[in-house]
Structures are given as structure tokens and as C-alpha cells.
């Protein structure tokens, strides 16, 4: 619940790991493109659910919010307040990935502020160290919020390393969105052993690439990229809540 990459190798590995569905939420990609790629790789064995991990705030103080069940595109780099208001308008399921992790996550205070709108908190992420996972579990418990986990796979080998099991089959984006919003019972699992720890370490190292200055310059300082709030595709609709 969720992956960043999607191709034949991802699908093959997901099926080999016994998964029924993947939430596909790549960085800096507009919703129509995500939907089309999800449709292309979905079949009777594996459902690909399109979603967006939204970057809110400035690059230096960005806060990630995972939205499942969007009906319309939402850009990155809006204020957190503006993002949450738009997700509420669209009645999307709102999830908190990697809470309190480095400088890219919702804090306890922000989770408290939007408690009534948040549907689940991630309690295990391969990019975390053990103390990050303990803190995430503590946050979910303290706020009495449903948990989730994800492989957060930026690398093929991480697909299927962590997963969520629901009590019913959820074979569409609509069913998954409803299950998340309705607090449907679920269990969180992840693999163990040396292989799992190595894959987690590789995912953590991938953060260096994700946060490189060249990527910032390429994506956010020009103002024409696909999920930049000033992109012509958004028609100026978010001008009052953009941070750039």
C-alpha cells in the first residue's frame, strides 16, 4: 500500500509474493497518467490502484500525504491546509506515510489537527530504522487510528516486503477507498531476516537520490513540471494555496 514503480517486473514479483493489489503512487506524476498506467498493468490476478503521495508545503519543509480515491488531479506544493481541504472536498481516503520521519512527514501536532480527516497511519516502512517504526506504532496507538504498511518500493526487490491483509477482497480502487474510510479490519505484516534487512537498507540509501539538488532544480524551480501547482493543467485553481 504503496509502490513508486510499476512495470512487468513489479507485477511478476507482486504475484509471486501472493499480493492481490498494489497502490501505485509515483512521485511528481499527474493522476491521469497514473490511472492509465495502473489500468495497463491491472488484470484478473492483480489490481493496481492509482493514488498520489502529495508533497505539501515547501521543499525544505515538505509533508507527505497519501491520497487514495481521488476524483480529480491535485498538485504538489500546496499548503497542508489547502491540500487537506481539497482531499476532503473529493472525499478521498487520507493516509499518513512514515509519520514523524526526518523532515518529510506529518508531525504529531499535524496528525492531531487533522485527526478527524485522516483514515490511517503507516506503522512500518522499509525506509525506517527500528526506532522510526516504534514511533510510528506509538502514534497510531496514541491517536487510536487504523494502521497500514507499505513496501514503499522505489526498487523492484522491495515489492512484497510489507503488506496489509483485509478481511474481504478489495478488487477495485473504489472498494479499497471505502474500506480505508470505513475503518475495515486489517492486519499488517512484513518479512524478516537478513534479506529483508538488506532490502530495507537499500531503500533507505535511495533517499540520497530522492533528495538530490539536481532533482529539486529539475522538478520545482522551473514551474512547468507536471505536478507543479503553476502548471497550465491546473488552470490556476490552486493559486490561493500554492507555496511556489
Protein backbone atom coordinates (compact mmCIF):
# COMPACT_ATOMS: atom_id res chain seq x y z
CA UNK A 1 0.00 0.00 0.00
CA UNK A 2 2.12 1.66 -1.92
CA UNK A 3 4.79 1.36 -4.59
CA UNK A 4 6.60 4.02 -6.62
CA UNK A 5 7.45 1.89 -9.66
CA UNK A 6 5.26 -0.16 -11.97
CA UNK A 7 6.33 -2.41 -14.82
CA UNK A 8 6.29 -6.08 -15.78
CA UNK A 9 8.90 -6.97 -13.16
CA UNK A 10 6.85 -5.32 -10.40
CA UNK A 11 3.72 -7.21 -11.46
CA UNK A 12 5.61 -10.52 -11.67
CA UNK A 13 7.13 -10.05 -8.22
CA UNK A 14 3.83 -8.94 -6.65
CA UNK A 15 2.06 -12.04 -7.95
CA UNK A 16 4.92 -14.29 -6.81
CA UNK A 17 4.58 -12.76 -3.32
CA UNK A 18 0.85 -13.54 -3.27
CA UNK A 19 -0.42 -9.96 -3.43
CA UNK A 20 -3.90 -9.21 -4.77
CA UNK A 21 -3.44 -5.46 -5.19
CA UNK A 22 -0.86 -2.68 -5.28
CA UNK A 23 -1.41 1.01 -4.61
CA UNK A 24 0.63 2.85 -7.25
CA UNK A 25 1.61 6.39 -6.21
CA UNK A 26 4.74 7.60 -8.05
CA UNK A 27 6.31 10.94 -7.24
CA UNK A 28 5.56 14.01 -9.38
CA UNK A 29 3.23 12.28 -11.84
CA UNK A 30 -0.24 13.59 -12.64
CA UNK A 31 -3.29 11.50 -11.82
CA UNK A 32 -4.40 10.81 -15.43
CA UNK A 33 -1.01 9.27 -16.24
CA UNK A 34 -1.06 7.23 -13.03
CA UNK A 35 -4.55 5.95 -13.83
CA UNK A 36 -3.58 4.95 -17.34
CA UNK A 37 -0.51 3.04 -16.20
CA UNK A 38 -2.49 1.36 -13.41
CA UNK A 39 -5.12 0.27 -15.93
CA UNK A 40 -2.45 -1.07 -18.28
CA UNK A 41 -0.89 -3.33 -15.65
CA UNK A 42 -4.06 -4.50 -13.88
CA UNK A 43 -5.53 -7.91 -14.65
CA UNK A 44 -7.71 -10.58 -13.04
CA UNK A 45 -4.89 -11.60 -10.70
CA UNK A 46 -3.59 -8.20 -9.61
CA UNK A 47 -5.46 -4.92 -9.15
CA UNK A 48 -3.41 -1.74 -9.46
CA UNK A 49 -4.98 1.15 -7.54
CA UNK A 50 -3.97 4.66 -8.68
CA UNK A 51 -3.09 7.12 -5.90
CA UNK A 52 -0.98 10.19 -5.16
CA UNK A 53 1.59 10.78 -2.46
CA UNK A 54 1.26 14.54 -2.30
CA UNK A 55 4.12 16.82 -1.26
CA UNK A 56 2.67 19.69 0.78
CA UNK A 57 4.48 22.83 1.90
CA UNK A 58 7.87 23.94 0.58
CA UNK A 59 10.59 21.52 -0.50
CA UNK A 60 12.56 22.25 2.67
CA UNK A 61 9.54 21.56 4.93
CA UNK A 62 7.51 19.20 2.77
CA UNK A 63 4.94 16.94 4.41
CA UNK A 64 3.80 13.81 2.59
CA UNK A 65 0.13 12.83 2.44
CA UNK A 66 -1.07 9.69 0.63
CA UNK A 67 -4.45 10.10 -1.08
CA UNK A 68 -6.41 7.10 -2.39
CA UNK A 69 -9.63 7.52 -4.35
CA UNK A 70 -9.03 10.94 -5.90
CA UNK A 71 -11.59 12.04 -8.45
CA UNK A 72 -9.53 14.98 -9.80
CA UNK A 73 -5.82 15.82 -10.03
CA UNK A 74 -4.19 17.62 -7.11
CA UNK A 75 -0.76 19.28 -7.48
CA UNK A 76 2.17 19.10 -5.12
CA UNK A 77 3.43 22.01 -3.01
CA UNK A 78 0.18 23.43 -1.78
CA UNK A 79 -0.19 24.42 1.85
CA UNK A 80 -1.09 21.49 4.08
CA UNK A 81 -4.36 23.22 4.87
CA UNK A 82 -5.13 23.66 1.17
CA UNK A 83 -4.27 20.05 0.37
CA UNK A 84 -6.39 18.65 3.18
CA UNK A 85 -9.33 20.85 2.19
CA UNK A 86 -9.14 19.55 -1.39
CA UNK A 87 -8.94 15.92 -0.27
CA UNK A 88 -11.96 16.49 1.94
CA UNK A 89 -13.85 18.00 -0.99
CA UNK A 90 -13.05 14.93 -3.10
CA UNK A 91 -13.91 12.53 -0.26
CA UNK A 92 -10.58 10.74 -0.76
CA UNK A 93 -9.08 8.35 1.76
CA UNK A 94 -6.26 10.19 3.56
CA UNK A 95 -3.27 8.22 4.83
CA UNK A 96 -0.15 9.33 6.70
CA UNK A 97 3.03 7.68 5.35
CA UNK A 98 6.15 7.48 7.56
CA UNK A 99 4.88 9.81 10.35
CA UNK A 100 7.49 11.99 12.13
CA UNK A 101 10.20 10.68 9.76
CA UNK A 102 13.01 13.15 9.11
CA UNK A 103 11.58 16.41 7.69
CA UNK A 104 9.20 14.88 5.14
CA UNK A 105 6.32 13.69 7.28
CA UNK A 106 3.31 14.85 9.22
CA UNK A 107 4.13 15.56 12.85
CA UNK A 108 2.12 14.52 15.89
CA UNK A 109 0.68 18.02 16.10
CA UNK A 110 -0.42 17.93 12.46
CA UNK A 111 -1.93 14.47 12.88
CA UNK A 112 -3.80 15.77 15.91
CA UNK A 113 -5.02 18.78 13.95
CA UNK A 114 -6.41 16.65 11.10
CA UNK A 115 -7.31 13.61 13.17
CA UNK A 116 -10.93 13.51 12.01
CA UNK A 117 -9.90 13.54 8.35
CA UNK A 118 -7.05 11.01 8.50
CA UNK A 119 -8.05 7.40 7.84
CA UNK A 120 -4.85 5.50 8.66
CA UNK A 121 -1.26 5.91 9.84
CA UNK A 122 1.68 3.92 8.48
CA UNK A 123 3.29 1.83 11.23
CA UNK A 124 6.02 0.08 9.20
CA UNK A 125 8.08 1.35 6.27
CA UNK A 126 11.24 -0.19 4.76
CA UNK A 127 12.96 3.20 4.77
CA UNK A 128 12.55 3.37 8.57
CA UNK A 129 15.05 2.23 11.15
CA UNK A 130 13.61 0.25 14.06
CA UNK A 131 13.09 3.30 16.27
CA UNK A 132 11.15 5.04 13.48
CA UNK A 133 8.77 2.08 13.30
CA UNK A 134 8.32 2.08 17.08
CA UNK A 135 7.48 5.78 16.98
CA UNK A 136 5.01 5.22 14.13
CA UNK A 137 3.30 2.42 16.07
CA UNK A 138 3.12 4.68 19.10
CA UNK A 139 1.49 7.46 17.07
CA UNK A 140 -1.16 5.14 15.65
CA UNK A 141 -1.90 3.80 19.14
CA UNK A 142 -1.95 7.19 20.85
CA UNK A 143 -4.42 8.60 18.33
CA UNK A 144 -6.39 5.33 18.10
CA UNK A 145 -6.00 5.26 14.32
CA UNK A 146 -6.08 2.32 11.95
CA UNK A 147 -2.62 1.14 10.81
CA UNK A 148 -1.23 0.36 7.40
CA UNK A 149 2.14 -0.55 5.94
CA UNK A 150 3.70 -0.45 2.51
CA UNK A 151 6.74 -1.71 0.71
CA UNK A 152 7.26 1.94 -0.37
CA UNK A 153 9.13 0.28 -3.22
CA UNK A 154 11.34 2.56 -5.28
CA UNK A 155 13.35 -0.58 -6.10
CA UNK A 156 11.99 -3.80 -7.61
CA UNK A 157 13.34 -6.02 -4.86
CA UNK A 158 11.28 -4.29 -2.18
CA UNK A 159 7.89 -5.16 -3.72
CA UNK A 160 6.06 -7.52 -1.37
CA UNK A 161 8.33 -6.93 1.62
CA UNK A 162 5.42 -5.46 3.63
CA UNK A 163 1.68 -5.77 3.10
CA UNK A 164 -1.80 -5.30 4.58
CA UNK A 165 -4.42 -8.05 4.78
CA UNK A 166 -8.10 -7.08 4.86
CA UNK A 167 -10.96 -9.37 5.85
CA UNK A 168 -12.55 -9.03 2.41
CA UNK A 169 -11.32 -8.97 -1.16
CA UNK A 170 -10.83 -5.44 -2.43
CA UNK A 171 -10.54 -5.70 -6.20
CA UNK A 172 -11.10 -2.08 -7.18
CA UNK A 173 -9.95 1.39 -6.20
CA UNK A 174 -13.46 2.18 -5.03
CA UNK A 175 -13.62 -0.82 -2.70
CA UNK A 176 -10.22 -0.05 -1.21
CA UNK A 177 -11.10 3.61 -0.68
CA UNK A 178 -14.32 2.62 1.08
CA UNK A 179 -12.52 0.06 3.25
CA UNK A 180 -9.97 2.66 4.33
CA UNK A 181 -12.58 5.30 5.07
CA UNK A 182 -14.83 2.80 6.91
CA UNK A 183 -12.02 1.53 9.17
CA UNK A 184 -12.37 -2.02 7.83
CA UNK A 185 -10.46 -4.58 9.90
CA UNK A 186 -6.97 -5.29 8.67
CA UNK A 187 -3.65 -6.79 9.74
CA UNK A 188 -0.16 -5.51 8.98
CA UNK A 189 2.68 -7.85 8.00
CA UNK A 190 6.28 -7.61 6.85
CA UNK A 191 9.03 -10.06 6.02
CA UNK A 192 12.06 -10.62 8.24
CA UNK A 193 15.57 -11.99 8.09
CA UNK A 194 18.80 -10.76 6.55
CA UNK A 195 17.38 -10.42 3.03
CA UNK A 196 14.62 -8.14 4.28
CA UNK A 197 17.05 -6.01 6.28
CA UNK A 198 19.30 -5.63 3.24
CA UNK A 199 16.39 -4.56 1.04
CA UNK A 200 15.31 -2.05 3.70
CA UNK A 201 18.85 -0.69 3.80
CA UNK A 202 18.89 -0.24 0.03
CA UNK A 203 15.59 1.64 0.18
CA UNK A 204 16.98 3.93 2.89
CA UNK A 205 20.06 4.63 0.79
CA UNK A 206 17.78 5.56 -2.10
CA UNK A 207 16.80 8.64 -0.07
CA UNK A 208 20.06 10.26 -1.15
CA UNK A 209 18.97 10.18 -4.77
CA UNK A 210 15.44 11.32 -3.93
CA UNK A 211 16.68 14.39 -2.13
CA UNK A 212 19.40 15.47 -4.54
CA UNK A 213 19.62 19.11 -5.55
CA UNK A 214 19.51 18.21 -9.26
CA UNK A 215 16.08 16.67 -8.78
CA UNK A 216 14.84 19.74 -6.92
CA UNK A 217 16.08 22.01 -9.70
CA UNK A 218 14.60 19.81 -12.42
CA UNK A 219 11.20 19.46 -10.82
CA UNK A 220 10.32 22.52 -8.83
CA UNK A 221 12.23 25.63 -9.72
CA UNK A 222 11.03 25.87 -13.32
CA UNK A 223 7.28 25.89 -12.71
CA UNK A 224 6.26 23.90 -15.78
CA UNK A 225 6.51 20.34 -14.46
CA UNK A 226 3.50 18.06 -14.35
CA UNK A 227 2.59 18.39 -10.66
CA UNK A 228 3.83 21.92 -10.08
CA UNK A 229 0.82 23.98 -8.88
CA UNK A 230 1.56 26.65 -11.51
CA UNK A 231 1.31 24.14 -14.37
CA UNK A 232 -1.24 25.13 -17.00
CA UNK A 233 -3.13 21.87 -16.40
CA UNK A 234 -4.42 23.17 -13.06
CA UNK A 235 -5.85 26.33 -14.64
CA UNK A 236 -4.79 28.50 -11.71
CA UNK A 237 -7.34 26.74 -9.49
CA UNK A 238 -4.88 26.38 -6.60
CA UNK A 239 -3.21 29.80 -6.81
CA UNK A 240 -4.55 30.84 -3.41
CA UNK A 241 -2.95 27.87 -1.60
CA UNK A 242 0.29 27.30 -3.51
CA UNK A 243 3.64 27.80 -1.76
CA UNK A 244 5.54 28.49 -5.03
